[in-house]
Protein backbone atom coordinates (compact mmCIF):
# COMPACT_ATOMS: atom_id res chain seq x y z
CA MET A 1 -11.03 -27.09 5.93
CA VAL A 2 -13.31 -24.67 4.11
CA ASN A 3 -12.59 -23.17 0.48
CA ILE A 4 -12.22 -19.77 0.18
CA LEU A 5 -12.91 -17.39 -2.88
CA ILE A 6 -10.60 -14.00 -2.70
CA ALA A 7 -11.28 -11.53 -5.98
CA GLY A 8 -8.65 -9.82 -6.73
CA GLY A 9 -4.88 -11.23 -7.13
CA GLY A 10 -3.41 -7.94 -6.09
CA ILE A 11 -1.02 -7.71 -3.03
CA GLY A 12 -3.75 -8.15 -0.47
CA GLY A 13 -5.24 -10.87 -2.67
CA LEU A 14 -2.28 -12.98 -2.67
CA ALA A 15 -0.99 -12.18 0.72
CA ALA A 16 -5.00 -13.19 1.77
CA ALA A 17 -4.31 -16.48 0.14
CA VAL A 18 -0.36 -17.49 1.20
CA SER A 19 -2.08 -16.67 4.80
CA ILE A 20 -5.83 -18.98 4.77
CA ALA A 21 -4.21 -21.57 2.91
CA ARG A 22 -1.04 -21.65 5.74
CA GLN A 23 -4.40 -22.73 7.79
CA GLY A 24 -5.31 -25.48 5.66
CA HIS A 25 -7.68 -24.08 3.79
CA THR A 26 -8.38 -24.22 0.08
CA VAL A 27 -8.01 -20.82 -2.01
CA THR A 28 -9.43 -20.36 -5.62
CA VAL A 29 -7.89 -16.29 -6.19
CA LEU A 30 -10.23 -14.73 -9.14
CA GLU A 31 -8.13 -11.85 -10.61
CA ARG A 32 -9.46 -9.70 -13.60
CA SER A 33 -5.89 -9.72 -15.67
CA GLU A 34 -5.27 -12.83 -17.71
CA VAL A 35 -1.79 -12.67 -16.10
CA PHE A 36 -0.86 -12.29 -12.50
CA GLU A 37 1.45 -9.06 -12.50
CA GLU A 38 1.98 -6.29 -10.86
CA VAL A 39 2.61 -2.93 -12.32
CA GLY A 40 4.05 0.39 -10.77
CA ALA A 41 7.22 1.56 -9.21
CA GLY A 42 8.60 1.84 -5.92
CA ILE A 43 6.62 0.91 -2.42
CA GLN A 44 7.80 1.49 1.08
CA LEU A 45 7.49 -1.21 3.80
CA GLY A 46 7.67 -0.44 7.94
CA PRO A 47 8.92 -2.92 10.48
CA ASN A 48 5.36 -3.54 10.18
CA ALA A 49 5.18 -5.19 7.12
CA PHE A 50 7.94 -7.04 7.64
CA LEU A 51 6.46 -8.59 10.64
CA ALA A 52 3.20 -9.62 8.46
CA LEU A 53 5.45 -10.89 5.52
CA ASP A 54 7.32 -13.23 8.16
CA ARG A 55 4.20 -14.30 9.39
CA LEU A 56 3.29 -15.26 6.11
CA GLY A 57 6.84 -17.13 5.51
CA VAL A 58 7.66 -14.70 2.39
CA GLY A 59 9.94 -12.23 4.64
CA PRO A 60 13.04 -13.64 3.61
CA ALA A 61 12.14 -13.29 -0.07
CA VAL A 62 11.04 -9.95 0.38
CA ARG A 63 14.44 -9.18 1.99
CA GLU A 64 16.30 -10.54 -0.50
CA ARG A 65 14.99 -8.40 -3.74
CA ALA A 66 14.31 -4.77 -1.24
CA VAL A 67 16.76 -2.00 -0.27
CA LEU A 68 17.07 -1.74 3.53
CA ILE A 69 17.24 1.97 4.14
CA ASP A 70 19.00 4.14 6.55
CA GLU A 71 17.02 7.48 7.08
CA LEU A 72 14.34 8.83 6.55
CA ARG A 73 14.96 12.57 5.35
CA PHE A 74 12.55 15.68 5.17
CA MET A 75 13.84 18.78 3.27
CA ASP A 76 12.36 22.42 2.56
CA GLY A 77 11.55 21.77 -1.28
CA LEU A 78 12.62 25.60 -1.90
CA THR A 79 15.81 26.10 0.50
CA GLY A 80 17.67 22.78 0.29
CA GLU A 81 17.26 22.83 3.42
CA ARG A 82 17.48 19.39 5.47
CA VAL A 83 14.94 19.98 8.32
CA ALA A 84 14.43 16.68 9.93
CA ALA A 85 16.14 13.21 9.56
CA MET A 86 15.12 9.70 11.21
CA PRO A 87 17.68 6.96 11.08
CA LEU A 88 16.68 3.44 10.38
CA THR A 89 19.25 1.48 11.52
CA GLY A 90 20.70 0.51 14.81
CA ALA A 91 18.34 1.53 17.67
CA TYR A 92 15.46 2.06 14.93
CA ARG A 93 15.89 -1.34 14.10
CA GLU A 94 16.22 -2.67 17.51
CA ARG A 95 13.19 -0.83 18.92
CA PHE A 96 10.97 -2.72 16.41
CA GLY A 97 12.54 -5.64 15.19
CA ASN A 98 12.35 -5.28 11.63
CA PRO A 99 14.25 -2.87 8.82
CA TYR A 100 12.39 -0.28 7.06
CA ALA A 101 12.49 -1.04 3.58
CA VAL A 102 12.05 0.08 -0.06
CA VAL A 103 11.17 -2.18 -2.95
CA HIS A 104 9.81 -2.41 -6.52
CA ARG A 105 6.15 -3.67 -6.39
CA GLY A 106 6.85 -5.90 -9.14
CA ASP A 107 9.44 -7.87 -6.40
CA LEU A 108 6.92 -7.97 -3.15
CA TYR A 109 4.40 -9.18 -5.69
CA GLN A 110 6.50 -11.77 -7.10
CA ALA A 111 7.28 -13.27 -3.70
CA LEU A 112 3.54 -13.25 -2.89
CA LEU A 113 3.22 -15.30 -5.89
CA ASP A 114 5.66 -17.90 -6.06
CA ALA A 115 4.32 -18.66 -2.09
CA CYS A 116 0.91 -19.29 -4.03
CA ARG A 117 2.54 -20.96 -6.59
CA ALA A 118 4.05 -23.33 -4.69
CA HIS A 119 1.18 -23.87 -2.37
CA PRO A 120 -0.66 -27.24 -3.59
CA SER A 121 -4.13 -25.48 -1.96
CA VAL A 122 -4.12 -22.05 -3.84
CA VAL A 123 -5.68 -21.97 -7.22
CA LEU A 124 -4.80 -18.74 -9.49
CA LEU A 125 -7.58 -18.23 -12.26
CA GLY A 126 -6.59 -14.95 -14.50
CA GLY A 127 -9.43 -13.32 -16.92
CA ASN A 128 -11.92 -13.52 -13.88
CA TYR A 129 -13.17 -10.50 -12.22
CA VAL A 130 -15.74 -10.92 -9.94
CA VAL A 131 -18.94 -8.66 -10.90
CA ARG A 132 -21.39 -9.76 -7.79
CA TYR A 133 -22.11 -12.54 -5.61
CA ALA A 134 -24.94 -14.43 -3.89
CA GLN A 135 -25.01 -16.11 -0.63
CA ASP A 136 -27.14 -18.36 1.51
CA GLY A 137 -26.33 -20.06 4.94
CA ALA A 138 -24.09 -22.88 3.60
CA GLY A 139 -21.83 -20.45 1.36
CA VAL A 140 -21.35 -17.93 -1.63
CA THR A 141 -21.17 -17.88 -5.09
CA ALA A 142 -18.70 -15.33 -7.25
CA VAL A 143 -20.35 -14.68 -10.25
CA THR A 144 -17.42 -12.91 -12.81
CA CYS A 145 -17.53 -10.84 -15.98
CA THR A 146 -17.53 -13.98 -18.01
CA GLY A 147 -20.51 -15.21 -16.59
CA ARG A 148 -18.80 -18.29 -14.66
CA GLU A 149 -20.33 -18.83 -11.05
CA PHE A 150 -17.94 -20.14 -8.60
CA HIS A 151 -18.93 -21.66 -5.28
CA GLY A 152 -17.26 -21.46 -1.43
CA HIS A 153 -17.73 -21.17 1.85
CA ALA A 154 -16.76 -17.67 2.21
CA LEU A 155 -15.42 -14.71 -0.37
CA ILE A 156 -13.06 -12.38 0.29
CA GLY A 157 -13.18 -9.16 -1.59
CA ALA A 158 -9.39 -7.76 -2.23
CA ASP A 159 -10.49 -6.47 -5.55
CA GLY A 160 -8.83 -3.01 -4.69
CA ILE A 161 -10.05 0.65 -4.20
CA ARG A 162 -13.08 0.64 -7.04
CA SER A 163 -14.15 -2.90 -5.39
CA ALA A 164 -16.92 -4.50 -6.94
CA VAL A 165 -17.84 -6.88 -3.92
CA ARG A 166 -17.60 -3.51 -1.77
CA ARG A 167 -20.24 -1.82 -4.40
CA GLN A 168 -22.50 -4.44 -3.32
CA LEU A 169 -21.31 -5.04 0.31
CA VAL A 170 -21.06 -1.46 1.20
CA GLY A 171 -22.94 0.73 -1.79
CA ASP A 172 -21.20 3.75 -1.05
CA GLY A 173 -19.99 4.96 -4.63
CA ALA A 174 -17.21 6.61 -6.42
CA PRO A 175 -14.17 6.66 -4.38
CA ARG A 176 -13.09 9.97 -3.19
CA VAL A 177 -11.07 12.20 -5.23
CA SER A 178 -8.28 14.07 -3.80
CA GLY A 179 -7.43 16.96 -5.82
CA HIS A 180 -3.46 15.89 -5.74
CA THR A 181 -1.83 14.30 -9.22
CA ILE A 182 1.24 12.34 -8.82
CA TYR A 183 3.56 11.43 -11.27
CA ARG A 184 5.97 8.59 -11.09
CA SER A 185 8.73 7.34 -13.28
CA VAL A 186 11.60 4.88 -12.72
CA ILE A 187 15.43 5.54 -13.87
CA PRO A 188 18.12 3.85 -14.02
CA MET A 189 20.64 4.94 -10.82
CA GLU A 190 23.85 4.84 -13.27
CA ARG A 191 22.05 8.14 -14.71
CA VAL A 192 22.25 9.90 -11.05
CA PRO A 193 24.87 11.90 -10.28
CA GLU A 194 26.99 9.95 -7.65
CA GLU A 195 26.75 12.54 -5.38
CA LEU A 196 22.86 12.15 -5.48
CA ARG A 197 22.88 8.42 -4.51
CA TRP A 198 21.44 8.56 -1.50
CA ASN A 199 20.36 5.64 0.89
CA SER A 200 17.31 7.10 2.09
CA VAL A 201 13.57 7.88 1.20
CA THR A 202 14.07 11.58 0.86
CA LEU A 203 10.85 13.90 0.81
CA TRP A 204 11.04 17.63 -0.63
CA ALA A 205 8.22 19.51 0.45
CA GLY A 206 7.30 23.10 -1.11
CA PRO A 207 3.66 24.91 -1.27
CA LYS A 208 1.00 22.63 -2.42
CA TRP A 209 3.54 20.07 -3.85
CA HIS A 210 6.10 17.92 -2.84
CA PHE A 211 8.75 14.84 -4.24
CA VAL A 212 10.08 11.93 -2.91
CA HIS A 213 12.67 9.77 -4.12
CA TYR A 214 14.40 6.30 -3.16
CA PRO A 215 16.37 3.73 -4.39
CA ILE A 216 14.87 0.28 -5.71
CA ALA A 217 15.38 -2.99 -7.51
CA ARG A 218 18.70 -3.82 -4.75
CA GLY A 219 20.07 -0.10 -5.73
CA LYS A 220 19.70 -0.42 -9.51
CA SER A 221 17.06 1.86 -10.27
CA LEU A 222 15.61 5.04 -8.39
CA ASN A 223 12.06 5.62 -8.23
CA LEU A 224 10.62 9.11 -8.67
CA ALA A 225 7.28 10.39 -7.15
CA ALA A 226 5.80 14.32 -7.74
CA THR A 227 2.78 15.22 -6.39
CA ARG A 228 0.77 18.45 -6.75
CA ASP A 229 -2.48 19.70 -4.73
CA ASP A 230 -3.59 21.09 -8.26
CA ALA A 231 -7.56 20.61 -7.52
CA ALA A 232 -7.84 17.64 -9.40
CA THR A 233 -11.58 16.85 -9.70
CA GLU A 234 -11.75 13.09 -11.94
CA ALA A 235 -9.88 10.03 -11.78
CA MET A 236 -6.79 9.61 -13.72
CA THR A 237 -4.92 6.03 -13.53
CA GLY A 238 -1.36 5.62 -15.06
CA VAL A 239 -1.82 8.23 -18.04
CA LEU A 240 1.80 8.92 -19.94
CA VAL A 241 2.51 12.70 -19.58
CA ASP A 242 5.37 14.16 -21.33
CA ALA A 243 8.28 15.14 -19.02
CA ALA A 244 8.05 18.71 -19.42
CA ARG A 245 4.74 19.04 -18.09
CA VAL A 246 6.29 17.58 -14.93
CA THR A 247 9.25 19.62 -14.66
CA ALA A 248 6.90 22.91 -15.11
CA GLU A 249 4.21 21.58 -12.24
CA PHE A 250 7.64 22.29 -10.52
CA PRO A 251 9.52 25.70 -10.90
CA ASP A 252 10.19 26.32 -7.19
CA LEU A 253 12.23 22.74 -6.67
CA GLY A 254 15.95 23.69 -5.39
CA ASP A 255 18.65 22.84 -6.94
CA ALA A 256 20.00 19.03 -5.84
CA ALA A 257 15.85 18.07 -6.27
CA ARG A 258 15.58 19.92 -9.68
CA ARG A 259 18.45 18.03 -10.81
CA LEU A 260 16.87 14.57 -9.56
CA LEU A 261 13.53 15.42 -11.50
CA ALA A 262 14.94 16.29 -14.72
CA LEU A 263 16.22 12.91 -15.13
CA GLY A 264 12.83 11.39 -15.04
CA GLU A 265 11.53 9.66 -18.20
CA ASN A 266 8.39 7.86 -19.30
CA TRP A 267 6.44 9.55 -16.45
CA ARG A 268 2.84 8.63 -15.76
CA ALA A 269 0.70 10.10 -13.88
CA TRP A 270 -2.72 9.38 -11.29
CA VAL A 271 -4.85 11.50 -9.32
CA LEU A 272 -5.20 10.41 -5.89
CA CYS A 273 -8.15 8.95 -4.45
CA ASP A 274 -9.20 7.03 -1.08
CA ARG A 275 -12.59 6.69 0.68
CA ASP A 276 -13.86 7.49 4.15
CA PRO A 277 -13.11 5.37 6.62
CA ILE A 278 -16.40 2.73 7.54
CA ALA A 279 -16.78 0.46 10.57
CA GLY A 280 -18.26 -2.33 8.96
CA TRP A 281 -16.94 -4.48 5.85
CA THR A 282 -18.69 -7.82 6.43
CA ASP A 283 -21.55 -9.09 5.06
CA GLY A 284 -22.44 -12.64 6.49
CA ARG A 285 -19.54 -15.12 4.25
CA VAL A 286 -18.69 -12.02 2.66
CA ALA A 287 -15.54 -9.67 4.16
CA LEU A 288 -13.22 -6.41 2.05
CA LEU A 289 -9.55 -6.55 2.71
CA GLY A 290 -7.19 -3.81 1.36
CA ASP A 291 -8.09 -1.12 -0.61
CA ALA A 292 -10.88 -2.80 -0.72
CA ALA A 293 -11.71 -2.12 2.30
CA HIS A 294 -10.08 0.86 3.55
CA PRO A 295 -7.82 2.32 0.73
CA MET A 296 -6.02 5.45 1.60
CA LEU A 297 -3.72 7.68 0.02
CA GLN A 298 0.02 7.15 -0.20
CA TYR A 299 1.20 10.11 2.50
CA ALA A 300 2.07 7.62 5.23
CA ALA A 301 3.46 5.05 3.14
CA GLN A 302 1.61 2.26 4.69
CA GLY A 303 -1.28 1.11 2.11
CA ALA A 304 0.65 -2.20 1.05
CA CYS A 305 1.48 -2.97 4.87
CA MET A 306 -2.71 -2.32 6.16
CA ALA A 307 -3.07 -5.12 3.57
CA LEU A 308 -0.25 -8.11 4.66
CA GLU A 309 -1.66 -6.84 8.50
CA ASP A 310 -4.98 -7.50 7.01
CA ALA A 311 -4.17 -10.83 5.51
CA VAL A 312 -1.95 -12.44 8.55
CA LEU A 313 -5.29 -11.75 10.81
CA LEU A 314 -7.83 -13.01 8.21
CA GLY A 315 -5.77 -16.39 8.67
CA GLU A 316 -5.73 -16.34 11.87
CA VAL A 317 -9.22 -16.22 12.55
CA LEU A 318 -10.12 -19.12 9.84
CA ALA A 319 -8.11 -21.27 11.80
CA GLY A 320 -9.78 -24.34 12.57
CA ALA A 321 -12.69 -23.30 10.33
CA ALA A 322 -14.94 -25.33 9.09
CA GLY A 323 -17.72 -24.94 6.35
CA ASP A 324 -20.51 -25.88 7.56
CA GLU A 325 -20.35 -24.02 10.66
CA PRO A 326 -23.52 -21.99 11.52
CA ALA A 327 -21.68 -18.69 12.90
CA PHE A 328 -19.44 -18.79 10.06
CA GLY A 329 -19.67 -15.42 9.28
CA ARG A 330 -18.64 -14.28 13.37
CA ARG A 331 -15.13 -15.36 12.06
CA LEU A 332 -15.28 -12.21 9.46
CA GLU A 333 -16.94 -9.91 12.08
CA LYS A 334 -13.62 -10.96 14.93
CA TYR A 335 -11.53 -10.00 11.79
CA ASN A 336 -12.98 -6.83 11.14
CA ALA A 337 -13.42 -5.37 14.57
CA GLY A 338 -9.55 -6.48 14.67
CA ARG A 339 -8.65 -3.80 11.94
CA ARG A 340 -11.06 -1.37 12.25
CA GLU A 341 -9.57 0.97 14.33
CA ARG A 342 -5.78 0.27 13.18
CA THR A 343 -6.77 1.13 9.84
CA CYS A 344 -9.52 3.73 10.16
CA ARG A 345 -6.44 5.97 12.50
CA THR A 346 -3.96 5.15 9.24
CA GLN A 347 -6.62 6.43 6.27
CA LEU A 348 -6.89 9.53 8.32
CA VAL A 349 -3.56 10.01 9.49
CA ALA A 350 -2.49 9.84 5.70
CA ARG A 351 -4.62 12.47 5.01
CA GLU A 352 -3.40 14.88 7.74
CA MET A 353 0.03 13.99 6.60
CA GLY A 354 -0.43 15.53 2.91
CA ARG A 355 -2.36 18.61 4.52
CA ARG A 356 0.07 19.36 7.35
CA LEU A 357 2.93 18.71 6.73
CA TYR A 358 3.90 17.91 3.29
CA HIS A 359 1.77 20.60 1.42
CA PRO A 360 1.32 23.89 3.39
CA THR A 361 2.61 27.64 2.33
CA GLY A 362 4.00 30.57 3.95
CA ASP A 363 3.76 30.64 8.14
CA ALA A 364 2.67 27.26 8.25
CA ALA A 365 5.11 25.96 6.26
CA ARG A 366 7.75 27.54 8.47
CA ALA A 367 5.87 26.52 11.68
CA ARG A 368 5.91 23.01 10.23
CA ASN A 369 10.15 23.10 9.81
CA GLU A 370 10.24 24.53 13.34
CA MET A 371 8.16 21.92 14.88
CA LEU A 372 10.32 18.87 13.09
CA SER A 373 13.56 20.46 13.41
CA SER A 374 12.76 20.39 17.39
CA LEU A 375 12.70 16.58 17.25
CA THR A 376 15.06 14.15 18.44
CA ALA A 377 15.53 10.70 16.87
CA GLU A 378 13.41 9.34 19.76
CA ASP A 379 10.47 11.74 19.41
CA LEU A 380 10.56 10.69 16.09
CA TYR A 381 10.68 6.80 16.97
CA ASP A 382 7.81 7.80 19.91
CA LYS A 383 5.48 9.19 17.09
CA VAL A 384 5.72 6.20 14.80
CA ASP A 385 5.23 3.71 17.39
CA TRP A 386 1.80 3.00 17.02
CA LEU A 387 2.04 1.98 13.46
CA HIS A 388 5.53 0.49 12.82
CA ALA A 389 5.70 -1.40 15.91
CA GLY A 390 2.81 -3.48 14.04
CA VAL A 391 0.29 -6.01 15.79
CA ARG A 392 2.25 -8.85 17.87
């Protein structure tokens, strides 16, 4: 049995804690916030996420909280034309073995938090943000913002896109600012006109912008996310913005989409950031996970899914580990090697989706519509197979 330290108590950190504890090890999660909670709005979960969640033992709890979606819809945001749709029932679920779902981030987080609290080998410590680490042949010491030192056989940096563990391990500076600003709101479903209550993830694409909406919270709320390719140069996180500003940013929206956007309230804005893929995210007994290792833009809807997959493999490579193994770090290298190609591809695909699918203008947009509209459901399944099928 080994003792693993995890920096960061978000979705990835808690998933890693569950995965490692299920292998018979002890885990200490060191979180910045005093209270373990997840802020934010909706999140999409592909079948690959449910494959990972089932391996973590929390699949049923997440399914209970999720909305199983019938269709992914791609709409022309200017004309209102339905360009393409990928059915997510019947043949899709048979092929990929799991549903496609949407859930409030807090609901996904709560399922993982409950699993951590129920496991006697997981210790959750809030108010202890890891600022640096040191290691020797026997273990790792994590130093937190309070000056406390925690000792373990390994440290997993799951502390997000601005990870302090990554800063020491990789040293590649600040995240890359994408130049895209996203505005998010969640509204009660009762405020949505009956004819617009679609059980789908619907994306309206326009010139240098797109707008996505879908039901969450067991269908009681509608998640709204509108993104503008506005050449923003500075990072921004969760800043409250006026509704009038949001609607003014999307003057060309077609009628149905404009009606939904106008319902938004308590809007918050983020400037999206990611990083370039890297080949290595281990240093002896230290490894990165989730956004600390491979932060990606939201356009492939796979950020949390990749973190869950990371957690599963990390637990598997630590099965049977002993803290005094001379080559303990090779287990973490095996985890890194097993994840690098898939996560790198997902990072780059997410960038390309923003550029080629969601934000083109003029002739490029028309060519995109023609290409998408020519695809059958089976064609669309083939295109996402590498991603949605998961790692078995």
